[in-house]
Amino acid sequence: MGGSFIGFWRYLGNCTVTKTKLWGILDGLKLILDRRFEKISIQMDSLEAVNTIQKGSSRNSNSAL
């Protein structure tokens, strides 16, 4: 079973760790769509970010994500 690893970076300025994780997921998903990968695995080490994704955007959030 072969695999690829793709990395990237983005300047986010001053923001929370959770927001950096969410930006990473968003940028990664855009990259995956652009490259038309068929099978992917996303690993996340932030339960707060996972919960945010599962719940959708919060009404109280002022984040553009």
N, C-alpha and C. Protein backbone atom coordinates (compact mmCIF):
# COMPACT_ATOMS: atom_id res chain seq x y z
N MET A 1 0.84 -1.17 0.00
CA MET A 1 0.00 0.00 0.00
C MET A 1 0.89 1.24 0.00
N GLY A 2 0.96 1.93 -1.11
CA GLY A 2 1.76 3.14 -1.21
C GLY A 2 1.00 4.34 -0.72
N GLY A 3 1.72 5.40 -0.52
CA GLY A 3 1.06 6.60 -0.04
C GLY A 3 1.83 7.84 -0.39
N SER A 4 1.19 8.94 -0.27
CA SER A 4 1.80 10.24 -0.53
C SER A 4 1.60 11.12 0.70
N PHE A 5 2.51 12.03 0.85
CA PHE A 5 2.38 13.02 1.91
C PHE A 5 2.57 14.38 1.27
N ILE A 6 1.62 15.26 1.48
CA ILE A 6 1.69 16.60 0.91
C ILE A 6 1.65 17.60 2.06
N GLY A 7 2.55 18.55 2.03
CA GLY A 7 2.58 19.58 3.06
C GLY A 7 2.41 20.96 2.44
N PHE A 8 2.05 21.91 3.25
CA PHE A 8 1.90 23.29 2.81
C PHE A 8 1.96 24.18 4.02
N TRP A 9 2.05 25.47 3.80
CA TRP A 9 2.05 26.40 4.92
C TRP A 9 1.25 27.63 4.54
N ARG A 10 0.80 28.34 5.56
CA ARG A 10 0.03 29.57 5.38
C ARG A 10 0.31 30.44 6.60
N TYR A 11 0.49 31.73 6.37
CA TYR A 11 0.64 32.66 7.48
C TYR A 11 -0.75 33.01 7.99
N LEU A 12 -0.99 32.77 9.27
CA LEU A 12 -2.30 33.03 9.86
C LEU A 12 -2.31 34.19 10.85
N GLY A 13 -1.16 34.72 11.14
CA GLY A 13 -1.12 35.81 12.10
C GLY A 13 -1.41 35.31 13.50
N ASN A 14 -2.10 36.11 14.27
CA ASN A 14 -2.42 35.78 15.66
C ASN A 14 -3.80 35.13 15.73
N CYS A 15 -3.84 33.82 15.98
CA CYS A 15 -5.12 33.13 16.11
C CYS A 15 -4.97 31.92 17.02
N THR A 16 -6.07 31.29 17.33
CA THR A 16 -6.05 30.15 18.25
C THR A 16 -5.52 28.90 17.56
N VAL A 17 -5.10 27.95 18.38
CA VAL A 17 -4.62 26.67 17.85
C VAL A 17 -5.73 25.98 17.07
N THR A 18 -6.95 26.03 17.59
CA THR A 18 -8.07 25.38 16.91
C THR A 18 -8.29 25.98 15.53
N LYS A 19 -8.21 27.30 15.42
CA LYS A 19 -8.38 27.92 14.11
C LYS A 19 -7.27 27.52 13.14
N THR A 20 -6.05 27.36 13.65
CA THR A 20 -4.98 26.92 12.75
C THR A 20 -5.26 25.50 12.25
N LYS A 21 -5.77 24.65 13.12
CA LYS A 21 -6.12 23.27 12.71
C LYS A 21 -7.23 23.29 11.66
N LEU A 22 -8.24 24.14 11.87
CA LEU A 22 -9.34 24.23 10.91
C LEU A 22 -8.88 24.77 9.57
N TRP A 23 -8.00 25.76 9.57
CA TRP A 23 -7.43 26.27 8.32
C TRP A 23 -6.66 25.16 7.61
N GLY A 24 -5.93 24.35 8.37
CA GLY A 24 -5.19 23.24 7.78
C GLY A 24 -6.10 22.24 7.09
N ILE A 25 -7.21 21.91 7.73
CA ILE A 25 -8.18 21.00 7.12
C ILE A 25 -8.78 21.63 5.86
N LEU A 26 -9.18 22.89 5.93
CA LEU A 26 -9.77 23.56 4.78
C LEU A 26 -8.80 23.61 3.61
N ASP A 27 -7.57 24.02 3.85
CA ASP A 27 -6.57 24.08 2.78
C ASP A 27 -6.27 22.69 2.23
N GLY A 28 -6.22 21.70 3.12
CA GLY A 28 -5.97 20.33 2.69
C GLY A 28 -7.09 19.79 1.81
N LEU A 29 -8.32 20.07 2.18
CA LEU A 29 -9.45 19.62 1.37
C LEU A 29 -9.46 20.28 0.00
N LYS A 30 -9.10 21.55 -0.07
CA LYS A 30 -9.01 22.24 -1.36
C LYS A 30 -7.94 21.58 -2.23
N LEU A 31 -6.80 21.26 -1.63
CA LEU A 31 -5.71 20.61 -2.35
C LEU A 31 -6.14 19.23 -2.84
N ILE A 32 -6.83 18.49 -2.01
CA ILE A 32 -7.33 17.16 -2.38
C ILE A 32 -8.29 17.25 -3.56
N LEU A 33 -9.19 18.23 -3.53
CA LEU A 33 -10.14 18.40 -4.63
C LEU A 33 -9.42 18.79 -5.92
N ASP A 34 -8.43 19.68 -5.82
CA ASP A 34 -7.68 20.11 -6.99
C ASP A 34 -6.92 18.95 -7.64
N ARG A 35 -6.40 18.05 -6.83
CA ARG A 35 -5.61 16.92 -7.34
C ARG A 35 -6.45 15.68 -7.60
N ARG A 36 -7.72 15.75 -7.32
CA ARG A 36 -8.68 14.69 -7.60
C ARG A 36 -8.29 13.33 -7.01
N PHE A 37 -7.86 13.36 -5.77
CA PHE A 37 -7.57 12.11 -5.08
C PHE A 37 -8.88 11.35 -4.86
N GLU A 38 -8.81 10.03 -4.95
CA GLU A 38 -10.01 9.22 -4.76
C GLU A 38 -10.15 8.72 -3.33
N LYS A 39 -9.04 8.40 -2.69
CA LYS A 39 -9.08 7.89 -1.33
C LYS A 39 -8.19 8.76 -0.46
N ILE A 40 -8.74 9.21 0.65
CA ILE A 40 -7.96 10.06 1.55
C ILE A 40 -8.16 9.63 3.00
N SER A 41 -7.24 10.01 3.82
CA SER A 41 -7.35 9.82 5.26
C SER A 41 -6.89 11.12 5.91
N ILE A 42 -7.73 11.68 6.75
CA ILE A 42 -7.37 12.91 7.45
C ILE A 42 -7.22 12.57 8.92
N GLN A 43 -6.08 12.91 9.48
CA GLN A 43 -5.82 12.68 10.89
C GLN A 43 -5.76 14.02 11.60
N MET A 44 -6.43 14.10 12.75
CA MET A 44 -6.51 15.36 13.49
C MET A 44 -6.21 15.09 14.95
N ASP A 45 -5.39 15.93 15.55
CA ASP A 45 -5.05 15.76 16.97
C ASP A 45 -5.72 16.79 17.86
N SER A 46 -6.79 17.39 17.36
CA SER A 46 -7.51 18.40 18.14
C SER A 46 -8.99 18.03 18.23
N LEU A 47 -9.40 17.56 19.40
CA LEU A 47 -10.80 17.20 19.60
C LEU A 47 -11.71 18.41 19.40
N GLU A 48 -11.26 19.57 19.82
CA GLU A 48 -12.06 20.79 19.66
C GLU A 48 -12.31 21.09 18.18
N ALA A 49 -11.29 20.93 17.35
CA ALA A 49 -11.45 21.17 15.91
C ALA A 49 -12.39 20.13 15.30
N VAL A 50 -12.24 18.87 15.69
CA VAL A 50 -13.12 17.81 15.19
C VAL A 50 -14.57 18.11 15.58
N ASN A 51 -14.80 18.48 16.83
CA ASN A 51 -16.16 18.81 17.28
C ASN A 51 -16.73 19.99 16.51
N THR A 52 -15.91 20.99 16.23
CA THR A 52 -16.36 22.16 15.46
C THR A 52 -16.79 21.74 14.07
N ILE A 53 -16.02 20.88 13.43
CA ILE A 53 -16.35 20.40 12.09
C ILE A 53 -17.65 19.60 12.12
N GLN A 54 -17.78 18.72 13.10
CA GLN A 54 -18.97 17.87 13.18
C GLN A 54 -20.23 18.67 13.48
N LYS A 55 -20.12 19.71 14.26
CA LYS A 55 -21.29 20.52 14.62
C LYS A 55 -21.63 21.56 13.56
N GLY A 56 -20.71 21.89 12.69
CA GLY A 56 -20.93 22.94 11.72
C GLY A 56 -20.56 24.28 12.32
N SER A 57 -20.83 25.33 11.61
CA SER A 57 -20.43 26.65 12.11
C SER A 57 -21.32 27.07 13.27
N SER A 58 -20.74 27.77 14.18
CA SER A 58 -21.45 28.23 15.37
C SER A 58 -22.03 29.61 15.13
N ARG A 59 -23.20 29.84 15.65
CA ARG A 59 -23.81 31.17 15.54
C ARG A 59 -23.00 32.22 16.27
N ASN A 60 -22.32 31.80 17.33
CA ASN A 60 -21.54 32.74 18.13
C ASN A 60 -20.15 32.97 17.58
N SER A 61 -19.79 32.24 16.55
CA SER A 61 -18.44 32.36 16.00
C SER A 61 -18.36 33.54 15.05
N ASN A 62 -17.29 34.30 15.15
CA ASN A 62 -17.06 35.39 14.21
C ASN A 62 -15.97 35.01 13.21
N SER A 63 -15.70 33.73 13.11
CA SER A 63 -14.66 33.24 12.22
C SER A 63 -15.17 33.16 10.79
N ALA A 64 -14.31 33.49 9.85
CA ALA A 64 -14.65 33.39 8.44
C ALA A 64 -14.57 31.96 7.94
N LEU A 65 -14.03 31.06 8.77
CA LEU A 65 -13.95 29.66 8.38
C LEU A 65 -15.34 29.11 8.30
